[in-house]
């Protein structure tokens, strides 16, 4: 499922469920930042460094681009 399809489904949820989902996602993002799992957040990266981060963090993207 694409991100666009997921967003469309989220928009169809009742407002309360959308809010709950937003809270969960926000907690995950902030929790990841606090735990130091993403040391590159907030840093200026070169193009090559950014590519390394994108493909290291998104192995599925790399696999799909390879096909």
C-alpha atoms as a PDB file:
ATOM      1  CA  UNK A   1       0.000   0.000   0.000  1.00  0.00           C
ATOM      2  CA  UNK A   2       1.373   3.421  -0.877  1.00  0.00           C
ATOM      3  CA  UNK A   3       1.617   6.329   1.548  1.00  0.00           C
ATOM      4  CA  UNK A   4      -1.052   8.153  -0.447  1.00  0.00           C
ATOM      5  CA  UNK A   5      -3.449   5.226  -0.069  1.00  0.00           C
ATOM      6  CA  UNK A   6      -2.734   5.107   3.654  1.00  0.00           C
ATOM      7  CA  UNK A   7      -3.417   8.831   4.021  1.00  0.00           C
ATOM      8  CA  UNK A   8      -6.734   8.455   2.213  1.00  0.00           C
ATOM      9  CA  UNK A   9      -7.733   5.670   4.590  1.00  0.00           C
ATOM     10  CA  UNK A  10      -6.686   7.736   7.598  1.00  0.00           C
ATOM     11  CA  UNK A  11      -8.792  10.657   6.362  1.00  0.00           C
ATOM     12  CA  UNK A  12     -11.814   8.337   6.301  1.00  0.00           C
ATOM     13  CA  UNK A  13     -11.424   7.490   9.999  1.00  0.00           C
ATOM     14  CA  UNK A  14     -13.513   9.276  12.617  1.00  0.00           C
ATOM     15  CA  UNK A  15     -11.791  12.391  13.991  1.00  0.00           C
ATOM     16  CA  UNK A  16     -11.112  10.778  17.373  1.00  0.00           C
ATOM     17  CA  UNK A  17      -9.317   7.827  15.748  1.00  0.00           C
ATOM     18  CA  UNK A  18      -7.295  10.217  13.575  1.00  0.00           C
ATOM     19  CA  UNK A  19      -6.235  12.094  16.720  1.00  0.00           C
ATOM     20  CA  UNK A  20      -5.253   8.851  18.481  1.00  0.00           C
ATOM     21  CA  UNK A  21      -3.194   7.803  15.476  1.00  0.00           C
ATOM     22  CA  UNK A  22      -1.496  11.209  15.369  1.00  0.00           C
ATOM     23  CA  UNK A  23      -0.592  10.932  19.068  1.00  0.00           C
ATOM     24  CA  UNK A  24       0.859   7.448  18.579  1.00  0.00           C
ATOM     25  CA  UNK A  25       2.919   8.543  15.578  1.00  0.00           C
ATOM     26  CA  UNK A  26       4.160  11.650  17.382  1.00  0.00           C
ATOM     27  CA  UNK A  27       5.200   9.605  20.400  1.00  0.00           C
ATOM     28  CA  UNK A  28       7.072   7.193  18.154  1.00  0.00           C
ATOM     29  CA  UNK A  29       8.939   9.957  16.339  1.00  0.00           C
ATOM     30  CA  UNK A  30       9.831  11.781  19.547  1.00  0.00           C
ATOM     31  CA  UNK A  31      10.730   8.535  21.290  1.00  0.00           C
ATOM     32  CA  UNK A  32      13.102   7.589  18.471  1.00  0.00           C
ATOM     33  CA  UNK A  33      14.786  10.989  18.667  1.00  0.00           C
ATOM     34  CA  UNK A  34      15.268  10.737  22.399  1.00  0.00           C
ATOM     35  CA  UNK A  35      16.714   7.242  22.244  1.00  0.00           C
ATOM     36  CA  UNK A  36      19.419   8.328  19.823  1.00  0.00           C
ATOM     37  CA  UNK A  37      18.422   5.768  17.204  1.00  0.00           C
ATOM     38  CA  UNK A  38      18.622   8.459  14.554  1.00  0.00           C
ATOM     39  CA  UNK A  39      21.816  10.395  15.232  1.00  0.00           C
ATOM     40  CA  UNK A  40      21.542  12.133  11.856  1.00  0.00           C
ATOM     41  CA  UNK A  41      18.375  14.074  12.807  1.00  0.00           C
ATOM     42  CA  UNK A  42      19.080  17.793  12.849  1.00  0.00           C
ATOM     43  CA  UNK A  43      22.464  17.494  11.173  1.00  0.00           C
ATOM     44  CA  UNK A  44      23.545  18.914   7.837  1.00  0.00           C
ATOM     45  CA  UNK A  45      24.408  15.986   5.613  1.00  0.00           C
ATOM     46  CA  UNK A  46      26.098  15.881   2.256  1.00  0.00           C
ATOM     47  CA  UNK A  47      24.171  14.301  -0.598  1.00  0.00           C
ATOM     48  CA  UNK A  48      26.151  11.068  -0.231  1.00  0.00           C
ATOM     49  CA  UNK A  49      25.578  10.956   3.524  1.00  0.00           C
ATOM     50  CA  UNK A  50      21.854  11.582   3.047  1.00  0.00           C
ATOM     51  CA  UNK A  51      21.655   8.767   0.490  1.00  0.00           C
ATOM     52  CA  UNK A  52      23.366   6.435   2.944  1.00  0.00           C
ATOM     53  CA  UNK A  53      20.805   7.329   5.622  1.00  0.00           C
ATOM     54  CA  UNK A  54      17.821   6.955   3.283  1.00  0.00           C
ATOM     55  CA  UNK A  55      18.826   3.556   2.016  1.00  0.00           C
ATOM     56  CA  UNK A  56      20.072   2.279   5.383  1.00  0.00           C
ATOM     57  CA  UNK A  57      16.802   3.299   7.065  1.00  0.00           C
ATOM     58  CA  UNK A  58      14.592   2.129   4.186  1.00  0.00           C
ATOM     59  CA  UNK A  59      15.890  -1.182   2.920  1.00  0.00           C
ATOM     60  CA  UNK A  60      12.573  -1.905   1.203  1.00  0.00           C
ATOM     61  CA  UNK A  61      12.986   1.258  -0.892  1.00  0.00           C
ATOM     62  CA  UNK A  62      16.419   0.103  -1.997  1.00  0.00           C
ATOM     63  CA  UNK A  63      15.015  -3.328  -2.895  1.00  0.00           C
ATOM     64  CA  UNK A  64      12.187  -1.824  -4.932  1.00  0.00           C
ATOM     65  CA  UNK A  65      14.514   0.530  -6.780  1.00  0.00           C
ATOM     66  CA  UNK A  66      16.803  -2.383  -7.606  1.00  0.00           C
ATOM     67  CA  UNK A  67      14.029  -4.232  -9.451  1.00  0.00           C
END
